[in-house]
Amino acid sequence: AANIAEKQFLDLERKFVHSVKRRIPLVIYSSHIFFEQTNIIPDLLPEGVAGFTEFLKGRVVLPLSGSLPRFERVLHHELVHVFMFDRIKNVLDRHQVLDYRPPPLWFSEGIAEYWSNGQSAFGDMVLRDAIFSKRFVPIENMFKINGSFLMYKEGESICEFMARRFGEDIFEQLFNNWWRSEKFENIFKLTTGESLEVFDREWVYHESKHYFPAIANRDPP
């Protein structure tokens, strides 16, 4: 686990153009049953939680799952959270902004999935099913699926489309501008020159073209 974390740390230093200077506590349980009984946070954990990052002391907590690739992916996901919050705090401190401005949950979890997971057949299946069953929601209605697995996968898709549309360094630019507004949509427009509303429509259209082959090579009149 230490070797995996060190390699991932170097990967995230490059992606965030930032290094976390403090020591990151890493707590690993030998099974999910013991993990569910953790007292690091006061709440009981449901079976679907694969790991979490506790922000008060910056601890990363996860169980051994029996699958090394899955363990690596979850650890990578949680380290993205560590880097993101440290990066945002660093920018706010540098510009003497005293209040902390957390990212929207879909962005926080989306970028963690995007940078730790890569495109997977399972995620593809979840998105396709959501579109076919009309449960797919745009960014403006993301509150309807807040915290769900679908939100994670939609957030990952949004971040992937963001990188495709504006370039992979869009995330670094967003973090650099984090001090300029309290609202994510304002930071997004200041950084990209495009409103989040317009981007939202383009992303939904892009996903529709991806999953409906009949319109893949067509555009609206």
Protein backbone atom coordinates (compact mmCIF):
# COMPACT_ATOMS: atom_id res chain seq x y z
CA ALA A 1 0.00 0.00 0.00
CA ALA A 2 2.85 2.39 0.80
CA ASN A 3 4.54 1.68 -2.55
CA ILE A 4 1.25 2.19 -4.42
CA ALA A 5 0.57 5.45 -2.55
CA GLU A 6 4.07 6.80 -3.31
CA LYS A 7 3.66 6.12 -7.06
CA GLN A 8 0.22 7.70 -7.11
CA PHE A 9 1.53 10.68 -5.15
CA LEU A 10 4.03 11.40 -7.95
CA ASP A 11 1.28 11.05 -10.57
CA LEU A 12 -0.97 13.53 -8.74
CA GLU A 13 1.88 16.00 -8.16
CA ARG A 14 2.19 16.22 -11.94
CA LYS A 15 -1.55 16.52 -12.58
CA PHE A 16 -2.22 19.12 -9.89
CA VAL A 17 1.11 20.96 -10.42
CA HIS A 18 1.19 20.92 -6.63
CA SER A 19 2.71 18.92 -3.80
CA VAL A 20 1.11 18.16 -0.43
CA LYS A 21 3.75 19.07 2.14
CA ARG A 22 2.19 17.41 5.18
CA ARG A 23 2.33 13.70 5.96
CA ILE A 24 -0.88 11.95 4.87
CA PRO A 25 -2.13 9.38 7.43
CA LEU A 26 -3.20 6.17 5.68
CA VAL A 27 -5.48 3.82 7.66
CA ILE A 28 -6.10 0.36 6.16
CA TYR A 29 -8.51 -2.25 7.50
CA SER A 30 -8.01 -5.94 6.79
CA SER A 31 -11.63 -6.41 5.68
CA HIS A 32 -14.73 -4.42 4.81
CA ILE A 33 -16.51 -5.72 7.95
CA PHE A 34 -13.88 -4.05 10.18
CA PHE A 35 -13.89 -0.95 7.95
CA GLU A 36 -17.66 -0.55 8.46
CA GLN A 37 -17.06 -0.38 12.23
CA THR A 38 -14.43 2.39 12.06
CA ASN A 39 -14.60 5.15 14.67
CA ILE A 40 -12.61 7.60 12.55
CA ILE A 41 -15.95 9.16 11.59
CA PRO A 42 -19.07 8.99 13.81
CA ASP A 43 -21.44 7.55 11.19
CA LEU A 44 -21.97 3.88 10.36
CA LEU A 45 -20.73 3.06 6.88
CA PRO A 46 -22.96 1.21 4.39
CA GLU A 47 -21.60 -1.77 2.45
CA GLY A 48 -21.26 0.24 -0.77
CA VAL A 49 -18.61 2.64 0.60
CA ALA A 50 -15.18 1.57 -0.66
CA GLY A 51 -13.14 4.23 1.19
CA PHE A 52 -13.25 7.82 2.40
CA THR A 53 -11.04 10.82 3.14
CA GLU A 54 -11.59 12.44 6.54
CA PHE A 55 -10.84 16.14 6.19
CA LEU A 56 -10.45 17.18 9.84
CA LYS A 57 -7.08 15.42 10.14
CA GLY A 58 -6.67 14.55 6.46
CA ARG A 59 -6.79 10.79 7.01
CA VAL A 60 -7.35 8.39 4.10
CA VAL A 61 -9.26 5.29 5.19
CA LEU A 62 -10.04 2.15 3.17
CA PRO A 63 -10.24 -1.64 3.54
CA LEU A 64 -8.43 -4.39 1.68
CA SER A 65 -11.02 -5.58 -0.81
CA GLY A 66 -9.41 -8.80 -2.02
CA SER A 67 -8.73 -7.21 -5.41
CA LEU A 68 -5.41 -5.40 -5.83
CA PRO A 69 -6.52 -3.36 -8.91
CA ARG A 70 -9.68 -2.22 -7.07
CA PHE A 71 -7.64 -1.35 -3.96
CA GLU A 72 -5.24 0.71 -6.11
CA ARG A 73 -8.13 2.54 -7.79
CA VAL A 74 -9.85 3.41 -4.50
CA LEU A 75 -6.58 4.60 -2.94
CA HIS A 76 -5.89 6.74 -6.02
CA HIS A 77 -9.43 8.16 -5.82
CA GLU A 78 -9.02 9.17 -2.17
CA LEU A 79 -5.59 10.72 -2.77
CA VAL A 80 -7.16 12.92 -5.48
CA HIS A 81 -9.42 14.33 -2.73
CA VAL A 82 -6.39 14.99 -0.50
CA PHE A 83 -4.60 16.86 -3.29
CA MET A 84 -7.70 18.78 -4.40
CA PHE A 85 -8.54 20.18 -1.00
CA ASP A 86 -4.91 21.01 -0.27
CA ARG A 87 -4.60 22.72 -3.67
CA ILE A 88 -7.74 24.81 -3.12
CA LYS A 89 -6.68 25.74 0.42
CA ASN A 90 -3.25 26.78 -0.86
CA VAL A 91 -4.79 29.11 -3.50
CA LEU A 92 -7.24 30.65 -1.02
CA ASP A 93 -4.48 31.21 1.58
CA ARG A 94 -2.24 32.81 -1.04
CA HIS A 95 -4.96 35.32 -1.89
CA GLN A 96 -5.92 35.84 1.77
CA VAL A 97 -9.40 34.38 1.40
CA LEU A 98 -10.39 33.19 4.87
CA ASP A 99 -13.49 31.12 4.13
CA TYR A 100 -13.11 27.68 2.57
CA ARG A 101 -14.95 27.16 -0.73
CA PRO A 102 -15.53 23.47 -1.40
CA PRO A 103 -16.15 22.26 -4.95
CA PRO A 104 -19.58 20.87 -5.88
CA LEU A 105 -19.81 17.19 -5.03
CA TRP A 106 -20.25 16.09 -8.66
CA PHE A 107 -16.98 17.85 -9.59
CA SER A 108 -15.08 16.61 -6.54
CA GLU A 109 -16.08 12.97 -7.08
CA GLY A 110 -16.03 13.28 -10.87
CA ILE A 111 -12.41 14.37 -11.09
CA ALA A 112 -11.41 11.73 -8.53
CA GLU A 113 -13.05 9.07 -10.72
CA TYR A 114 -11.61 10.55 -13.93
CA TRP A 115 -8.03 10.65 -12.65
CA SER A 116 -8.10 7.32 -10.81
CA ASN A 117 -10.31 5.08 -12.89
CA GLY A 118 -10.01 5.71 -16.59
CA GLN A 119 -12.93 4.76 -18.79
CA SER A 120 -14.46 1.45 -17.74
CA ALA A 121 -17.06 -0.83 -19.31
CA PHE A 122 -19.02 -0.75 -16.04
CA GLY A 123 -19.19 3.06 -15.95
CA ASP A 124 -20.17 3.05 -19.61
CA MET A 125 -23.00 0.64 -18.82
CA VAL A 126 -24.28 2.86 -15.97
CA LEU A 127 -24.39 5.96 -18.17
CA ARG A 128 -26.00 4.14 -21.10
CA ASP A 129 -28.67 2.69 -18.80
CA ALA A 130 -29.37 6.14 -17.29
CA ILE A 131 -29.85 7.69 -20.75
CA PHE A 132 -32.06 4.86 -22.04
CA SER A 133 -34.20 4.87 -18.89
CA LYS A 134 -34.42 8.71 -18.79
CA ARG A 135 -32.66 8.93 -15.40
CA PHE A 136 -29.70 10.87 -16.86
CA VAL A 137 -29.66 14.39 -15.39
CA PRO A 138 -27.87 17.55 -16.59
CA ILE A 139 -25.56 19.53 -14.28
CA GLU A 140 -28.33 21.97 -13.31
CA ASN A 141 -30.36 19.06 -11.86
CA MET A 142 -27.44 17.16 -10.34
CA PHE A 143 -28.95 17.69 -6.87
CA LYS A 144 -31.54 15.02 -7.74
CA ILE A 145 -28.89 12.27 -7.75
CA ASN A 146 -26.48 13.84 -5.24
CA GLY A 147 -24.22 11.27 -3.61
CA SER A 148 -25.40 8.36 -5.77
CA PHE A 149 -23.17 6.11 -7.87
CA LEU A 150 -24.76 7.62 -10.98
CA MET A 151 -23.56 11.06 -9.83
CA TYR A 152 -19.99 9.69 -9.60
CA LYS A 153 -20.18 8.35 -13.15
CA GLU A 154 -21.84 11.48 -14.56
CA GLY A 155 -19.22 13.60 -12.80
CA GLU A 156 -16.47 11.48 -14.37
CA SER A 157 -18.08 11.92 -17.80
CA ILE A 158 -18.33 15.70 -17.29
CA CYS A 159 -14.62 15.95 -16.37
CA GLU A 160 -13.63 13.83 -19.35
CA PHE A 161 -15.68 16.08 -21.67
CA MET A 162 -14.20 19.17 -19.99
CA ALA A 163 -10.66 17.93 -20.75
CA ARG A 164 -11.67 17.08 -24.33
CA ARG A 165 -13.26 20.50 -24.89
CA PHE A 166 -10.74 22.80 -23.17
CA GLY A 167 -7.57 20.71 -22.80
CA GLU A 168 -6.27 18.62 -19.91
CA ASP A 169 -4.85 21.69 -18.13
CA ILE A 170 -8.37 23.11 -17.62
CA PHE A 171 -8.44 21.68 -14.09
CA GLU A 172 -5.22 23.43 -13.08
CA GLN A 173 -6.64 26.70 -14.47
CA LEU A 174 -9.86 26.22 -12.48
CA PHE A 175 -7.93 25.67 -9.24
CA ASN A 176 -5.78 28.74 -9.93
CA ASN A 177 -8.94 30.85 -10.23
CA TRP A 178 -10.67 29.33 -7.21
CA TRP A 179 -10.20 32.47 -5.10
CA ARG A 180 -12.02 34.70 -7.61
CA SER A 181 -15.59 33.68 -6.72
CA GLU A 182 -17.62 31.74 -4.19
CA LYS A 183 -19.64 30.00 -6.92
CA PHE A 184 -18.28 27.26 -9.15
CA GLU A 185 -20.27 28.46 -12.19
CA ASN A 186 -18.57 31.87 -11.94
CA ILE A 187 -15.11 30.30 -11.66
CA PHE A 188 -15.91 28.11 -14.66
CA LYS A 189 -16.94 31.07 -16.82
CA LEU A 190 -13.94 33.17 -15.75
CA THR A 191 -11.64 30.27 -16.68
CA THR A 192 -13.19 28.99 -19.91
CA GLY A 193 -15.07 32.02 -21.25
CA GLU A 194 -18.13 29.76 -21.58
CA SER A 195 -21.09 29.63 -19.22
CA LEU A 196 -21.70 26.40 -17.31
CA GLU A 197 -25.22 26.40 -18.76
CA VAL A 198 -23.92 26.27 -22.35
CA PHE A 199 -21.29 23.67 -21.42
CA ASP A 200 -24.01 21.59 -19.74
CA ARG A 201 -26.10 21.50 -22.93
CA GLU A 202 -23.06 20.56 -25.03
CA TRP A 203 -22.13 17.76 -22.63
CA VAL A 204 -25.66 16.26 -22.62
CA TYR A 205 -25.71 16.44 -26.43
CA HIS A 206 -22.28 14.81 -26.65
CA GLU A 207 -23.40 11.92 -24.42
CA SER A 208 -26.61 11.50 -26.45
CA LYS A 209 -24.60 11.24 -29.69
CA HIS A 210 -22.30 8.73 -28.04
CA TYR A 211 -25.06 6.37 -26.94
CA PHE A 212 -27.56 6.83 -29.79
CA PRO A 213 -25.74 5.68 -32.97
CA ALA A 214 -28.56 6.97 -35.20
CA ILE A 215 -27.53 10.60 -34.45
CA ALA A 216 -23.79 9.98 -34.06
CA ASN A 217 -22.97 11.64 -37.41
CA ARG A 218 -25.77 14.18 -37.46
CA ASP A 219 -26.30 17.63 -35.97
CA PRO A 220 -29.48 19.65 -35.32
CA PRO A 221 -30.58 21.84 -38.27
